[in-house]
Amino acid sequence: MTEYNWCHGPNCHKRHTTTRVRGVKGNKVLRTVKIRPNGWNRDTCWEYFCDQTCLRNFINKHFQEFVRLHPRTEPLETPILDPRKETVQSNWGNYTWTNTKIEVDNERNVG
């Protein structure tokens, strides 16, 4: 297996930046960026994308395929305790507001 990955951005090879220019005088090309997996990017999306633009371009081009491969046919739910409301009085005037605290019910939360 190679120690490098090529950026998966569909337009990486078309972006006009000096880091993508390769070739000899009179025969220049814009080339996809080579990414070396290392400690900070291994097992993350940055192992396959050179920057956020290429990542977003890839997602925008392929998101419908992702949804077809991994459809969500029912909602996900997380058990919670009954929400608690508390009224807070400010220290600097006659202002009050209500905070609602939502906590996960760890006894019912499985997985």
Protein backbone atom coordinates (compact mmCIF):
# COMPACT_ATOMS: atom_id res chain seq x y z
CA MET A 1 0.00 0.00 0.00
CA THR A 2 1.28 3.45 -0.88
CA GLU A 3 2.22 5.84 1.91
CA TYR A 4 0.34 8.69 0.23
CA ASN A 5 -3.28 9.37 -0.72
CA TRP A 6 -4.44 11.63 -3.52
CA CYS A 7 -6.95 14.29 -2.51
CA HIS A 8 -10.46 13.06 -3.33
CA GLY A 9 -11.79 16.55 -4.12
CA PRO A 10 -13.44 16.34 -7.56
CA ASN A 11 -11.96 19.70 -8.62
CA CYS A 12 -8.64 19.59 -6.76
CA HIS A 13 -6.72 19.30 -10.04
CA LYS A 14 -8.49 22.40 -11.45
CA ARG A 15 -7.77 24.84 -8.60
CA HIS A 16 -5.31 27.58 -9.50
CA THR A 17 -2.77 27.44 -6.67
CA THR A 18 1.01 27.21 -6.95
CA THR A 19 1.09 24.05 -4.80
CA ARG A 20 -0.68 22.16 -7.60
CA VAL A 21 1.62 23.20 -10.49
CA ARG A 22 3.80 20.34 -11.79
CA GLY A 23 5.87 19.62 -14.91
CA VAL A 24 8.68 21.15 -16.93
CA LYS A 25 8.65 24.45 -18.81
CA GLY A 26 6.19 24.28 -21.69
CA ASN A 27 4.47 21.18 -20.29
CA LYS A 28 2.93 22.35 -16.99
CA VAL A 29 -0.17 20.82 -15.39
CA LEU A 30 -2.31 21.37 -12.32
CA ARG A 31 -2.23 18.14 -10.31
CA THR A 32 -4.30 16.78 -7.45
CA VAL A 33 -2.59 17.26 -4.06
CA LYS A 34 -0.74 14.30 -2.54
CA ILE A 35 -1.50 13.78 1.16
CA ARG A 36 0.75 11.85 3.50
CA PRO A 37 -1.20 10.16 6.32
CA ASN A 38 0.43 10.92 9.66
CA GLY A 39 -0.40 11.11 13.36
CA TRP A 40 -2.71 14.10 13.24
CA ASN A 41 -4.77 13.15 10.16
CA ARG A 42 -4.83 9.35 10.26
CA ASP A 43 -8.34 7.88 10.42
CA THR A 44 -9.93 11.29 9.77
CA CYS A 45 -11.27 12.94 6.62
CA TRP A 46 -7.99 14.90 6.35
CA GLU A 47 -6.27 11.69 5.33
CA TYR A 48 -8.17 12.02 2.01
CA PHE A 49 -8.78 15.76 1.53
CA CYS A 50 -6.21 18.55 1.27
CA ASP A 51 -8.53 21.28 2.61
CA GLN A 52 -12.14 22.20 3.39
CA THR A 53 -12.88 23.31 -0.16
CA CYS A 54 -12.06 19.88 -1.58
CA LEU A 55 -14.00 18.17 1.25
CA ARG A 56 -17.09 20.33 0.62
CA ASN A 57 -16.88 19.80 -3.15
CA PHE A 58 -16.76 16.04 -2.60
CA ILE A 59 -19.71 16.11 -0.19
CA ASN A 60 -21.77 18.32 -2.50
CA LYS A 61 -21.10 15.98 -5.42
CA HIS A 62 -21.69 12.67 -3.60
CA PHE A 63 -24.07 13.28 -0.67
CA GLN A 64 -27.07 11.66 -2.41
CA GLU A 65 -25.03 8.49 -2.91
CA PHE A 66 -24.16 8.49 0.82
CA VAL A 67 -27.83 8.72 1.74
CA ARG A 68 -28.71 5.86 -0.64
CA LEU A 69 -25.95 3.70 0.89
CA HIS A 70 -26.94 4.53 4.48
CA PRO A 71 -30.64 5.44 4.55
CA ARG A 72 -32.32 6.47 7.78
CA THR A 73 -35.71 4.78 7.86
CA GLU A 74 -36.66 5.69 11.42
CA PRO A 75 -35.73 8.45 13.85
CA LEU A 76 -33.01 8.15 16.46
CA GLU A 77 -33.93 8.86 20.09
CA THR A 78 -31.97 9.48 23.27
CA PRO A 79 -33.79 8.92 26.59
CA ILE A 80 -33.72 12.00 28.83
CA LEU A 81 -34.90 12.90 32.30
CA ASP A 82 -37.81 15.33 32.57
CA PRO A 83 -36.46 18.79 31.64
CA ARG A 84 -36.00 21.09 34.65
CA LYS A 85 -36.64 24.82 34.42
CA GLU A 86 -34.93 27.31 36.66
CA THR A 87 -35.46 31.05 36.79
CA VAL A 88 -32.28 33.10 37.00
CA GLN A 89 -32.09 36.65 38.40
CA SER A 90 -29.30 38.81 37.00
CA ASN A 91 -26.87 40.53 39.35
CA TRP A 92 -26.78 43.77 37.36
CA GLY A 93 -30.43 44.71 37.03
CA ASN A 94 -34.02 43.56 37.07
CA TYR A 95 -33.54 40.91 34.42
CA THR A 96 -34.71 37.36 34.77
CA TRP A 97 -34.66 34.48 32.36
CA THR A 98 -35.48 30.81 32.37
CA ASN A 99 -32.89 28.12 31.79
CA THR A 100 -34.09 24.67 30.82
CA LYS A 101 -31.74 21.86 31.78
CA ILE A 102 -31.93 18.67 29.74
CA GLU A 103 -30.01 15.64 31.00
CA VAL A 104 -29.54 12.23 29.41
CA ASP A 105 -31.11 9.37 31.37
CA ASN A 106 -28.07 7.11 31.65
CA GLU A 107 -30.10 4.26 33.17
CA ARG A 108 -32.31 3.99 30.07
CA ASN A 109 -29.64 5.03 27.57
CA VAL A 110 -28.26 1.86 26.01
CA GLY A 111 -25.71 2.08 23.19
